C-alpha cells in the first residue's frame, strides 16, 4: 500500500517532531559515546548504549493506539509477488559489501553476536523508526516526495556529521553521498511499500557487515554500491511519483 500526499496530518507541528528527533539523537547517542570514551568501556556493545533509552521509548510509544501500523511497521503482508523485486538491490548491496570486506575479520564469536543484536535491535530499529517511520508519516500530508526528501536529507545530515574529520577528502565525500543515497533509497521503498521492518533488517545487516569485515583496499566497491543505489532510486521514482500515500489502510490519527 503506497503513501499518498492526502493522508490526514497527525501532528500540528511536524517540524517540532523533527527537532526532537535530532535532539534525542545528539543527547543520547553522542552523549552515550562520550560516556563510553570517558569510562574507557571496551565491550563490543558499549558504543551503542545511547540507543537503549530511545529504543525503549519507541517500543512503549508504538505499542499504544495502533501506532505500529500508523508508522509503517506492519506492512510486510501487503508485499506480494513481483513487488519483492524492489528489495533485490538491498540484497545485492549486502553481497557487494561481503565481497569488498573479504568476509569477516577474526574476532571472538560473542563479539559477532553482540554487534548483530545491537545493529538490528538498537541502531537499525531506532534510526529506521525515526527517519523512515515517524518522520515520513508526520510529513506525509505535504506530499510523498516531500516526506521522502525530509527523511533522507536529515538522515544524511545526521550521518554526514560523523564523516567530518580525520580522513581524506575522497573518503569524506563518499561517506556523505553514501549516507544521502542510502537514506533516499530506503525512504522511497517505505513510500512505496510501507514496510519499515524490512529497512530495519537491511540497516542492521548493512552496519553489521561493515563493522565485522576486513578493511577494503580500494574504493571500487563503494562506487559499485553507489551505482546500485542510483539505479534503485531511478526505478522506484517511476512508481512513487505517479502515485498518491493511499488513504486505504491508514491507521487513525495519533494526537
Protein backbone atom coordinates (compact mmCIF):
# COMPACT_ATOMS: atom_id res chain seq x y z
CA UNK A 1 0.00 0.00 0.00
CA UNK A 2 1.69 3.20 -1.18
CA UNK A 3 1.84 6.57 0.56
CA UNK A 4 -0.31 9.29 -0.95
CA UNK A 5 0.07 13.01 -0.05
CA UNK A 6 -3.55 13.07 1.02
CA UNK A 7 -3.09 11.48 4.43
CA UNK A 8 -4.57 13.34 7.38
CA UNK A 9 -1.99 15.33 9.42
CA UNK A 10 -1.37 13.55 12.72
CA UNK A 11 0.60 16.33 14.43
CA UNK A 12 0.15 20.08 14.33
CA UNK A 13 3.85 20.94 14.22
CA UNK A 14 5.82 18.28 12.30
CA UNK A 15 9.00 20.37 12.33
CA UNK A 16 8.93 20.23 16.12
CA UNK A 17 8.95 16.41 15.87
CA UNK A 18 11.96 16.70 13.56
CA UNK A 19 13.73 18.91 16.09
CA UNK A 20 13.00 16.50 18.95
CA UNK A 21 14.35 13.57 16.92
CA UNK A 22 17.61 15.33 16.16
CA UNK A 23 17.99 16.50 19.77
CA UNK A 24 17.33 12.99 21.10
CA UNK A 25 19.98 11.51 18.83
CA UNK A 26 22.50 14.18 19.81
CA UNK A 27 21.76 13.90 23.53
CA UNK A 28 21.59 10.12 23.91
CA UNK A 29 23.77 8.76 21.10
CA UNK A 30 26.52 11.38 21.18
CA UNK A 31 26.26 11.54 24.97
CA UNK A 32 26.46 7.76 25.22
CA UNK A 33 29.56 7.69 23.02
CA UNK A 34 31.19 10.36 25.18
CA UNK A 35 30.45 8.34 28.33
CA UNK A 36 31.91 5.18 26.79
CA UNK A 37 35.05 7.08 25.85
CA UNK A 38 35.44 8.70 29.29
CA UNK A 39 34.72 5.44 31.13
CA UNK A 40 37.02 3.56 28.73
CA UNK A 41 34.44 0.81 28.20
CA UNK A 42 35.66 -1.91 25.83
CA UNK A 43 32.61 -4.16 25.49
CA UNK A 44 31.57 -4.53 21.80
CA UNK A 45 28.07 -3.26 22.59
CA UNK A 46 29.24 -0.27 24.64
CA UNK A 47 29.32 2.30 21.79
CA UNK A 48 25.58 1.78 21.27
CA UNK A 49 24.37 2.22 24.85
CA UNK A 50 22.90 5.60 23.96
CA UNK A 51 20.38 3.94 21.67
CA UNK A 52 18.83 1.93 24.52
CA UNK A 53 16.64 4.69 26.09
CA UNK A 54 15.42 5.77 22.64
CA UNK A 55 14.61 2.17 21.69
CA UNK A 56 12.67 1.61 24.92
CA UNK A 57 10.71 4.83 24.44
CA UNK A 58 9.84 3.86 20.84
CA UNK A 59 8.68 0.39 21.90
CA UNK A 60 6.36 1.87 24.52
CA UNK A 61 5.14 4.53 22.08
CA UNK A 62 4.45 2.08 19.23
CA UNK A 63 2.56 -0.43 21.38
CA UNK A 64 -0.22 2.08 22.10
CA UNK A 65 -3.20 3.07 19.91
CA UNK A 66 -2.21 1.06 16.83
CA UNK A 67 0.83 3.28 16.28
CA UNK A 68 2.95 0.49 14.82
CA UNK A 69 0.56 0.47 11.87
CA UNK A 70 0.39 4.26 11.75
CA UNK A 71 4.15 4.49 11.38
CA UNK A 72 4.51 1.71 8.77
CA UNK A 73 5.87 -1.13 10.92
CA UNK A 74 3.18 -3.64 9.90
CA UNK A 75 3.27 -3.59 6.10
CA UNK A 76 5.01 -6.89 5.29
CA UNK A 77 1.84 -8.81 4.44
CA UNK A 78 0.92 -6.27 1.75
CA UNK A 79 4.03 -7.01 -0.34
CA UNK A 80 3.13 -9.57 -2.99
CA UNK A 81 4.86 -11.39 -5.85
CA UNK A 82 6.98 -9.16 -8.09
CA UNK A 83 6.89 -6.33 -5.53
CA UNK A 84 9.66 -8.15 -3.68
CA UNK A 85 11.95 -7.35 -6.62
CA UNK A 86 12.09 -3.77 -5.37
CA UNK A 87 14.17 -5.13 -2.47
CA UNK A 88 16.64 -7.03 -4.68
CA UNK A 89 19.10 -4.08 -4.72
CA UNK A 90 19.33 -4.28 -0.91
CA UNK A 91 20.40 -7.92 -1.11
CA UNK A 92 22.86 -7.06 -3.89
CA UNK A 93 24.39 -4.28 -1.76
CA UNK A 94 24.92 -6.69 1.15
CA UNK A 95 26.61 -9.19 -1.18
CA UNK A 96 28.91 -6.49 -2.59
CA UNK A 97 29.86 -5.45 0.97
CA UNK A 98 30.71 -9.04 1.88
CA UNK A 99 32.92 -9.36 -1.19
CA UNK A 100 34.56 -5.98 -0.56
CA UNK A 101 35.34 -6.87 3.05
CA UNK A 102 36.65 -10.34 2.18
CA UNK A 103 34.13 -11.91 4.52
CA UNK A 104 34.54 -11.31 8.24
CA UNK A 105 37.54 -10.28 10.29
CA UNK A 106 38.83 -12.60 13.01
CA UNK A 107 37.03 -11.98 16.30
CA UNK A 108 35.50 -13.98 19.18
CA UNK A 109 32.03 -15.37 18.43
CA UNK A 110 30.34 -13.32 21.21
CA UNK A 111 31.57 -10.14 19.51
CA UNK A 112 29.66 -11.03 16.35
CA UNK A 113 26.54 -11.81 18.39
CA UNK A 114 26.68 -8.53 20.32
CA UNK A 115 27.25 -6.48 17.18
CA UNK A 116 24.48 -8.20 15.23
CA UNK A 117 21.97 -7.69 18.04
CA UNK A 118 22.91 -4.05 18.65
CA UNK A 119 22.72 -3.18 14.95
CA UNK A 120 19.36 -4.89 14.42
CA UNK A 121 17.58 -4.17 17.70
CA UNK A 122 19.08 -0.81 18.59
CA UNK A 123 20.66 1.14 15.71
CA UNK A 124 18.55 -0.24 12.87
CA UNK A 125 15.31 -0.18 14.86
CA UNK A 126 15.82 3.33 16.25
CA UNK A 127 17.05 5.06 13.10
CA UNK A 128 14.58 3.45 10.71
CA UNK A 129 11.62 4.00 13.03
CA UNK A 130 12.57 7.64 13.49
CA UNK A 131 13.58 8.57 9.94
CA UNK A 132 11.52 6.20 7.77
CA UNK A 133 8.58 5.68 10.11
CA UNK A 134 7.79 8.71 12.24
CA UNK A 135 9.33 11.47 10.11
CA UNK A 136 7.79 10.23 6.86
CA UNK A 137 4.37 9.82 8.47
CA UNK A 138 4.24 13.24 10.11
CA UNK A 139 5.19 14.91 6.80
CA UNK A 140 3.04 12.63 4.60
CA UNK A 141 0.27 15.22 4.27
CA UNK A 142 2.76 17.53 2.50
CA UNK A 143 3.21 15.02 -0.33
CA UNK A 144 5.07 11.77 -0.82
CA UNK A 145 8.22 13.31 -2.31
CA UNK A 146 8.31 16.00 0.38
CA UNK A 147 8.26 13.28 3.06
CA UNK A 148 10.94 11.28 1.22
CA UNK A 149 13.22 14.30 0.89
CA UNK A 150 12.81 15.40 4.52
CA UNK A 151 13.55 11.88 5.74
CA UNK A 152 16.59 11.30 3.51
CA UNK A 153 18.11 14.77 3.94
CA UNK A 154 18.08 14.68 7.74
CA UNK A 155 19.19 11.04 7.79
CA UNK A 156 22.09 12.09 5.56
CA UNK A 157 22.94 15.15 7.66
CA UNK A 158 22.92 13.10 10.87
CA UNK A 159 25.35 10.58 9.39
CA UNK A 160 27.41 13.10 7.43
CA UNK A 161 28.42 14.82 10.67
CA UNK A 162 30.18 11.59 11.64
CA UNK A 163 32.28 11.76 8.47
CA UNK A 164 33.81 15.20 9.01
CA UNK A 165 37.37 14.86 10.18
CA UNK A 166 40.35 12.55 10.31
CA UNK A 167 40.18 11.19 6.75
CA UNK A 168 40.85 12.06 3.12
CA UNK A 169 38.58 14.34 1.08
CA UNK A 170 37.53 11.41 -1.12
CA UNK A 171 36.56 9.33 1.91
CA UNK A 172 34.56 12.22 3.37
CA UNK A 173 32.69 12.96 0.13
CA UNK A 174 31.98 9.27 -0.43
CA UNK A 175 30.52 8.85 3.06
CA UNK A 176 28.32 11.93 2.73
CA UNK A 177 26.99 10.90 -0.70
CA UNK A 178 26.54 7.33 0.52
CA UNK A 179 24.53 8.46 3.56
CA UNK A 180 22.21 10.63 1.47
CA UNK A 181 21.85 7.91 -1.19
CA UNK A 182 21.01 5.13 1.25
CA UNK A 183 18.53 7.38 3.03
CA UNK A 184 16.80 8.34 -0.22
CA UNK A 185 16.56 4.74 -1.45
CA UNK A 186 15.14 3.42 1.84
CA UNK A 187 12.67 6.31 2.05
CA UNK A 188 11.40 5.53 -1.46
CA UNK A 189 10.93 1.88 -0.50
CA UNK A 190 8.89 2.86 2.54
CA UNK A 191 6.89 5.34 0.46
CA UNK A 192 6.00 2.56 -1.96
CA UNK A 193 5.50 -0.39 0.38
CA UNK A 194 5.08 0.97 3.95
CA UNK A 195 7.37 -1.76 5.31
CA UNK A 196 9.80 -0.23 7.79
CA UNK A 197 10.58 -3.67 9.24
CA UNK A 198 12.45 -4.56 6.05
CA UNK A 199 14.53 -1.40 6.13
CA UNK A 200 15.34 -2.12 9.79
CA UNK A 201 16.59 -5.58 8.80
CA UNK A 202 18.69 -4.21 5.94
CA UNK A 203 20.08 -1.34 8.04
CA UNK A 204 21.14 -3.70 10.81
CA UNK A 205 22.81 -6.21 8.47
CA UNK A 206 24.48 -3.43 6.49
CA UNK A 207 26.07 -1.99 9.63
CA UNK A 208 26.98 -5.44 10.95
CA UNK A 209 28.83 -6.40 7.75
CA UNK A 210 30.70 -3.09 7.68
CA UNK A 211 31.72 -3.40 11.31
CA UNK A 212 32.86 -7.02 11.21
CA UNK A 213 34.56 -7.13 7.82
CA UNK A 214 38.14 -6.51 6.79
CA UNK A 215 39.04 -3.02 5.57
CA UNK A 216 38.71 -2.87 1.75
CA UNK A 217 41.85 -1.78 -0.04
CA UNK A 218 40.00 0.14 -2.76
CA UNK A 219 37.02 2.45 -3.25
CA UNK A 220 35.88 0.44 -6.27
CA UNK A 221 33.21 -1.35 -4.27
CA UNK A 222 31.93 1.93 -2.83
CA UNK A 223 31.27 3.18 -6.34
CA UNK A 224 29.58 -0.11 -7.26
CA UNK A 225 27.23 0.27 -4.27
CA UNK A 226 26.52 3.90 -5.21
CA UNK A 227 25.65 2.76 -8.75
CA UNK A 228 23.22 0.17 -7.34
CA UNK A 229 21.64 2.84 -5.12
CA UNK A 230 21.26 5.23 -8.06
CA UNK A 231 19.66 2.56 -10.26
CA UNK A 232 17.29 1.53 -7.47
CA UNK A 233 16.26 5.14 -6.81
CA UNK A 234 15.55 5.79 -10.50
CA UNK A 235 13.43 2.63 -10.67
CA UNK A 236 11.47 3.44 -7.51
CA UNK A 237 10.92 7.07 -8.51
CA UNK A 238 8.99 5.95 -11.58
CA UNK A 239 6.26 4.38 -9.47
CA UNK A 240 6.41 6.55 -6.33
CA UNK A 241 5.98 9.85 -8.19
CA UNK A 242 2.98 8.52 -10.11
CA UNK A 243 1.01 7.55 -7.04
CA UNK A 244 -0.51 9.14 -4.13
CA UNK A 245 0.22 7.55 0.37
CA UNK A 246 -3.31 5.72 -0.24
CA UNK A 247 -5.93 6.56 2.34
CA UNK A 248 -6.98 2.96 2.39
CA UNK A 249 -5.31 1.17 5.26
CA UNK A 250 -4.10 4.29 7.03
CA UNK A 251 -4.36 3.98 10.77
CA UNK A 252 -6.31 6.52 12.83
CA UNK A 253 -4.60 9.80 13.63
CA UNK A 254 -2.50 9.97 16.75
CA UNK A 255 -2.56 13.11 18.85
